Amino acid sequence: MSDPNRRGDWHLDKSVSFGHILTTVTILLSLAAGWATMSERIAVLEQQQAGFNSQIVGILSNQRSTDTRQDSEITEIKRQIREDYREIRRNLDQLIRSQVASE
C-alpha cells in the first residue's frame, strides 16, 4: 500500500531535462517577441493619434474662423434689415401724411 521509504505523496526531481529548458526558453522568447510587437503597435497608434490631434486642432481653428465670419455677416444682415424697416416706416409715414393732407 504505502512505501515506508517514501516521505510524502510527492517528491521533487533534482534533475532538469532538456525539454524543461527548451520550454522555458521558448516561453521567454515568445513573451519578449509579444512585448516588442505590442510596443511597436503602441508607438504606431501614438503617432496616428498625434496626427489626428493636429487635424482636429486645424478643423477647430477653421470652424472658429468660419463662426466669426458668419457672426459678422449675420450682424450686418440684421443691421441692414433694421435700416430697411426704418426706410419702410419713413415711406409709410410720408404716404399717410400725403393721404391726410390731400383729404
N, C-alpha and C. Protein backbone atom coordinates (compact mmCIF):
# COMPACT_ATOMS: atom_id res chain seq x y z
N MET A 1 0.80 -1.16 0.00
CA MET A 1 0.00 0.00 0.00
C MET A 1 0.86 1.25 0.00
N SER A 2 1.50 1.57 1.10
CA SER A 2 2.38 2.71 1.08
C SER A 2 3.80 2.24 1.31
N ASP A 3 4.69 2.89 0.60
CA ASP A 3 6.10 2.52 0.71
C ASP A 3 6.68 3.17 1.95
N PRO A 4 7.27 2.43 2.85
CA PRO A 4 7.80 3.03 4.08
C PRO A 4 9.00 3.92 3.82
N ASN A 5 9.66 3.80 2.67
CA ASN A 5 10.82 4.65 2.37
C ASN A 5 10.41 6.01 1.82
N ARG A 6 9.17 6.14 1.38
CA ARG A 6 8.68 7.43 0.85
C ARG A 6 8.25 8.31 1.99
N ARG A 7 8.56 9.61 1.90
CA ARG A 7 8.25 10.52 2.98
C ARG A 7 6.98 11.31 2.75
N GLY A 8 6.43 11.30 1.61
CA GLY A 8 5.22 12.04 1.34
C GLY A 8 4.58 11.51 0.07
N ASP A 9 3.52 12.18 -0.32
CA ASP A 9 2.82 11.74 -1.53
C ASP A 9 3.52 12.20 -2.79
N TRP A 10 4.37 13.19 -2.72
CA TRP A 10 5.04 13.68 -3.90
C TRP A 10 6.49 13.99 -3.58
N HIS A 11 7.27 14.17 -4.63
CA HIS A 11 8.68 14.49 -4.44
C HIS A 11 9.15 15.38 -5.59
N LEU A 12 10.25 16.09 -5.39
CA LEU A 12 10.84 16.93 -6.43
C LEU A 12 12.02 16.20 -7.05
N ASP A 13 12.02 16.17 -8.36
CA ASP A 13 13.13 15.56 -9.07
C ASP A 13 14.23 16.61 -9.19
N LYS A 14 15.42 16.31 -8.76
CA LYS A 14 16.50 17.30 -8.74
C LYS A 14 17.20 17.43 -10.08
N SER A 15 16.80 16.67 -11.05
CA SER A 15 17.40 16.79 -12.37
C SER A 15 16.54 17.71 -13.23
N VAL A 16 17.17 18.36 -14.20
CA VAL A 16 16.47 19.25 -15.12
C VAL A 16 16.66 18.66 -16.51
N SER A 17 15.54 18.46 -17.18
CA SER A 17 15.64 17.86 -18.50
C SER A 17 15.79 18.94 -19.57
N PHE A 18 16.25 18.52 -20.73
CA PHE A 18 16.41 19.44 -21.85
C PHE A 18 15.06 20.00 -22.29
N GLY A 19 14.03 19.22 -22.18
CA GLY A 19 12.68 19.66 -22.54
C GLY A 19 12.21 20.82 -21.68
N HIS A 20 12.52 20.76 -20.38
CA HIS A 20 12.16 21.88 -19.49
C HIS A 20 12.88 23.16 -19.88
N ILE A 21 14.17 23.03 -20.16
CA ILE A 21 14.96 24.21 -20.54
C ILE A 21 14.44 24.77 -21.85
N LEU A 22 14.17 23.89 -22.82
CA LEU A 22 13.68 24.34 -24.12
C LEU A 22 12.31 25.01 -23.99
N THR A 23 11.44 24.45 -23.18
CA THR A 23 10.12 25.04 -22.97
C THR A 23 10.23 26.41 -22.31
N THR A 24 11.07 26.53 -21.31
CA THR A 24 11.26 27.81 -20.62
C THR A 24 11.82 28.87 -21.55
N VAL A 25 12.81 28.51 -22.36
CA VAL A 25 13.40 29.46 -23.31
C VAL A 25 12.36 29.87 -24.35
N THR A 26 11.57 28.91 -24.82
CA THR A 26 10.54 29.21 -25.81
C THR A 26 9.50 30.18 -25.24
N ILE A 27 9.09 29.96 -24.02
CA ILE A 27 8.11 30.86 -23.38
C ILE A 27 8.70 32.26 -23.23
N LEU A 28 9.94 32.34 -22.78
CA LEU A 28 10.58 33.65 -22.60
C LEU A 28 10.73 34.38 -23.93
N LEU A 29 11.11 33.66 -24.97
CA LEU A 29 11.25 34.28 -26.29
C LEU A 29 9.89 34.74 -26.81
N SER A 30 8.86 33.93 -26.58
CA SER A 30 7.51 34.33 -27.02
C SER A 30 7.06 35.59 -26.29
N LEU A 31 7.30 35.65 -25.00
CA LEU A 31 6.94 36.85 -24.23
C LEU A 31 7.69 38.08 -24.73
N ALA A 32 8.99 37.92 -25.00
CA ALA A 32 9.79 39.05 -25.48
C ALA A 32 9.30 39.51 -26.85
N ALA A 33 9.01 38.56 -27.73
CA ALA A 33 8.51 38.93 -29.07
C ALA A 33 7.16 39.61 -28.96
N GLY A 34 6.29 39.10 -28.12
CA GLY A 34 4.98 39.73 -27.92
C GLY A 34 5.11 41.13 -27.36
N TRP A 35 6.01 41.31 -26.42
CA TRP A 35 6.23 42.63 -25.83
C TRP A 35 6.75 43.62 -26.88
N ALA A 36 7.68 43.16 -27.71
CA ALA A 36 8.24 44.04 -28.74
C ALA A 36 7.17 44.41 -29.76
N THR A 37 6.38 43.44 -30.16
CA THR A 37 5.31 43.71 -31.12
C THR A 37 4.30 44.69 -30.55
N MET A 38 3.95 44.48 -29.29
CA MET A 38 2.99 45.36 -28.63
C MET A 38 3.56 46.78 -28.53
N SER A 39 4.83 46.90 -28.22
CA SER A 39 5.45 48.22 -28.13
C SER A 39 5.43 48.94 -29.48
N GLU A 40 5.71 48.20 -30.55
CA GLU A 40 5.67 48.80 -31.88
C GLU A 40 4.26 49.26 -32.23
N ARG A 41 3.28 48.44 -31.93
CA ARG A 41 1.89 48.80 -32.24
C ARG A 41 1.45 50.03 -31.45
N ILE A 42 1.87 50.09 -30.20
CA ILE A 42 1.52 51.24 -29.37
C ILE A 42 2.18 52.50 -29.94
N ALA A 43 3.43 52.39 -30.38
CA ALA A 43 4.12 53.55 -30.96
C ALA A 43 3.40 54.04 -32.21
N VAL A 44 2.97 53.10 -33.06
CA VAL A 44 2.24 53.47 -34.28
C VAL A 44 0.92 54.16 -33.92
N LEU A 45 0.21 53.61 -32.95
CA LEU A 45 -1.05 54.22 -32.53
C LEU A 45 -0.84 55.63 -31.95
N GLU A 46 0.23 55.82 -31.20
CA GLU A 46 0.53 57.14 -30.66
C GLU A 46 0.82 58.14 -31.77
N GLN A 47 1.55 57.72 -32.80
CA GLN A 47 1.82 58.61 -33.93
C GLN A 47 0.53 58.96 -34.66
N GLN A 48 -0.33 57.96 -34.87
CA GLN A 48 -1.60 58.23 -35.53
C GLN A 48 -2.44 59.20 -34.70
N GLN A 49 -2.45 59.00 -33.40
CA GLN A 49 -3.23 59.87 -32.52
C GLN A 49 -2.70 61.31 -32.57
N ALA A 50 -1.40 61.45 -32.63
CA ALA A 50 -0.81 62.79 -32.72
C ALA A 50 -1.24 63.46 -34.03
N GLY A 51 -1.25 62.68 -35.12
CA GLY A 51 -1.71 63.23 -36.40
C GLY A 51 -3.17 63.63 -36.34
N PHE A 52 -3.99 62.78 -35.72
CA PHE A 52 -5.41 63.10 -35.59
C PHE A 52 -5.61 64.35 -34.74
N ASN A 53 -4.82 64.46 -33.68
CA ASN A 53 -4.95 65.64 -32.82
C ASN A 53 -4.63 66.92 -33.58
N SER A 54 -3.59 66.90 -34.42
CA SER A 54 -3.25 68.10 -35.18
C SER A 54 -4.34 68.40 -36.20
N GLN A 55 -4.94 67.36 -36.78
CA GLN A 55 -6.05 67.59 -37.72
C GLN A 55 -7.24 68.20 -37.00
N ILE A 56 -7.52 67.71 -35.82
CA ILE A 56 -8.66 68.23 -35.05
C ILE A 56 -8.42 69.69 -34.68
N VAL A 57 -7.20 70.02 -34.30
CA VAL A 57 -6.88 71.41 -33.96
C VAL A 57 -7.08 72.30 -35.19
N GLY A 58 -6.65 71.83 -36.35
CA GLY A 58 -6.84 72.60 -37.58
C GLY A 58 -8.31 72.78 -37.91
N ILE A 59 -9.08 71.72 -37.78
CA ILE A 59 -10.52 71.80 -38.06
C ILE A 59 -11.20 72.77 -37.10
N LEU A 60 -10.85 72.70 -35.83
CA LEU A 60 -11.44 73.62 -34.85
C LEU A 60 -11.06 75.06 -35.14
N SER A 61 -9.84 75.28 -35.56
CA SER A 61 -9.41 76.63 -35.92
C SER A 61 -10.21 77.15 -37.12
N ASN A 62 -10.36 76.31 -38.13
CA ASN A 62 -11.16 76.71 -39.30
C ASN A 62 -12.60 76.97 -38.90
N GLN A 63 -13.14 76.15 -38.00
CA GLN A 63 -14.52 76.33 -37.57
C GLN A 63 -14.68 77.65 -36.81
N ARG A 64 -13.69 77.99 -35.99
CA ARG A 64 -13.77 79.26 -35.26
C ARG A 64 -13.76 80.45 -36.22
N SER A 65 -12.89 80.38 -37.23
CA SER A 65 -12.84 81.50 -38.18
C SER A 65 -14.13 81.56 -38.99
N THR A 66 -14.69 80.41 -39.35
CA THR A 66 -15.97 80.38 -40.07
C THR A 66 -17.08 80.95 -39.19
N ASP A 67 -17.09 80.55 -37.92
CA ASP A 67 -18.10 81.07 -36.99
C ASP A 67 -18.00 82.59 -36.85
N THR A 68 -16.77 83.09 -36.74
CA THR A 68 -16.57 84.53 -36.60
C THR A 68 -17.06 85.26 -37.84
N ARG A 69 -16.73 84.72 -39.01
CA ARG A 69 -17.17 85.34 -40.26
C ARG A 69 -18.69 85.32 -40.36
N GLN A 70 -19.30 84.19 -40.04
CA GLN A 70 -20.76 84.09 -40.10
C GLN A 70 -21.43 85.01 -39.09
N ASP A 71 -20.84 85.14 -37.92
CA ASP A 71 -21.40 86.06 -36.92
C ASP A 71 -21.39 87.49 -37.44
N SER A 72 -20.29 87.89 -38.08
CA SER A 72 -20.22 89.26 -38.59
C SER A 72 -21.21 89.44 -39.75
N GLU A 73 -21.37 88.41 -40.58
CA GLU A 73 -22.34 88.51 -41.68
C GLU A 73 -23.76 88.62 -41.14
N ILE A 74 -24.07 87.84 -40.11
CA ILE A 74 -25.41 87.90 -39.51
C ILE A 74 -25.65 89.27 -38.88
N THR A 75 -24.64 89.81 -38.22
CA THR A 75 -24.77 91.15 -37.63
C THR A 75 -25.03 92.18 -38.72
N GLU A 76 -24.32 92.07 -39.83
CA GLU A 76 -24.52 93.01 -40.94
C GLU A 76 -25.91 92.85 -41.54
N ILE A 77 -26.39 91.64 -41.69
CA ILE A 77 -27.74 91.41 -42.23
C ILE A 77 -28.79 92.00 -41.29
N LYS A 78 -28.61 91.80 -39.99
CA LYS A 78 -29.56 92.37 -39.03
C LYS A 78 -29.57 93.90 -39.10
N ARG A 79 -28.38 94.49 -39.24
CA ARG A 79 -28.29 95.94 -39.35
C ARG A 79 -29.01 96.42 -40.60
N GLN A 80 -28.79 95.71 -41.71
CA GLN A 80 -29.43 96.08 -42.98
C GLN A 80 -30.96 95.95 -42.88
N ILE A 81 -31.43 94.90 -42.22
CA ILE A 81 -32.88 94.72 -42.05
C ILE A 81 -33.47 95.87 -41.24
N ARG A 82 -32.76 96.26 -40.16
CA ARG A 82 -33.25 97.39 -39.36
C ARG A 82 -33.33 98.66 -40.20
N GLU A 83 -32.32 98.91 -41.01
CA GLU A 83 -32.34 100.10 -41.88
C GLU A 83 -33.49 100.02 -42.87
N ASP A 84 -33.72 98.83 -43.43
CA ASP A 84 -34.83 98.67 -44.38
C ASP A 84 -36.17 98.93 -43.70
N TYR A 85 -36.35 98.42 -42.48
CA TYR A 85 -37.60 98.68 -41.75
C TYR A 85 -37.79 100.17 -41.47
N ARG A 86 -36.69 100.84 -41.10
CA ARG A 86 -36.79 102.29 -40.86
C ARG A 86 -37.19 103.02 -42.14
N GLU A 87 -36.59 102.63 -43.25
CA GLU A 87 -36.92 103.26 -44.54
C GLU A 87 -38.38 103.01 -44.91
N ILE A 88 -38.83 101.76 -44.68
CA ILE A 88 -40.24 101.45 -44.96
C ILE A 88 -41.15 102.28 -44.07
N ARG A 89 -40.80 102.41 -42.79
CA ARG A 89 -41.61 103.20 -41.86
C ARG A 89 -41.66 104.67 -42.30
N ARG A 90 -40.51 105.23 -42.71
CA ARG A 90 -40.49 106.62 -43.17
C ARG A 90 -41.37 106.80 -44.41
N ASN A 91 -41.24 105.85 -45.33
CA ASN A 91 -42.06 105.94 -46.54
C ASN A 91 -43.55 105.83 -46.23
N LEU A 92 -43.92 104.93 -45.31
CA LEU A 92 -45.32 104.81 -44.92
C LEU A 92 -45.82 106.08 -44.24
N ASP A 93 -44.97 106.65 -43.36
CA ASP A 93 -45.35 107.90 -42.70
C ASP A 93 -45.59 109.00 -43.73
N GLN A 94 -44.68 109.12 -44.72
CA GLN A 94 -44.85 110.13 -45.76
C GLN A 94 -46.11 109.86 -46.58
N LEU A 95 -46.40 108.62 -46.89
CA LEU A 95 -47.59 108.27 -47.65
C LEU A 95 -48.85 108.61 -46.86
N ILE A 96 -48.84 108.29 -45.57
CA ILE A 96 -50.01 108.61 -44.73
C ILE A 96 -50.19 110.10 -44.62
N ARG A 97 -49.09 110.84 -44.47
CA ARG A 97 -49.20 112.32 -44.38
C ARG A 97 -49.74 112.90 -45.69
N SER A 98 -49.25 112.36 -46.79
CA SER A 98 -49.75 112.89 -48.07
C SER A 98 -51.21 112.54 -48.28
N GLN A 99 -51.65 111.39 -47.83
CA GLN A 99 -53.06 110.99 -47.92
C GLN A 99 -53.92 111.90 -47.03
N VAL A 100 -53.42 112.17 -45.80
CA VAL A 100 -54.18 113.03 -44.87
C VAL A 100 -54.20 114.44 -45.39
N ALA A 101 -53.12 114.94 -45.96
CA ALA A 101 -53.05 116.32 -46.45
C ALA A 101 -53.94 116.52 -47.67
N SER A 102 -54.06 115.48 -48.49
CA SER A 102 -54.89 115.62 -49.68
C SER A 102 -56.39 115.54 -49.37
N GLU A 103 -56.77 115.05 -48.25
CA GLU A 103 -58.20 114.96 -47.92
C GLU A 103 -58.72 116.19 -47.35
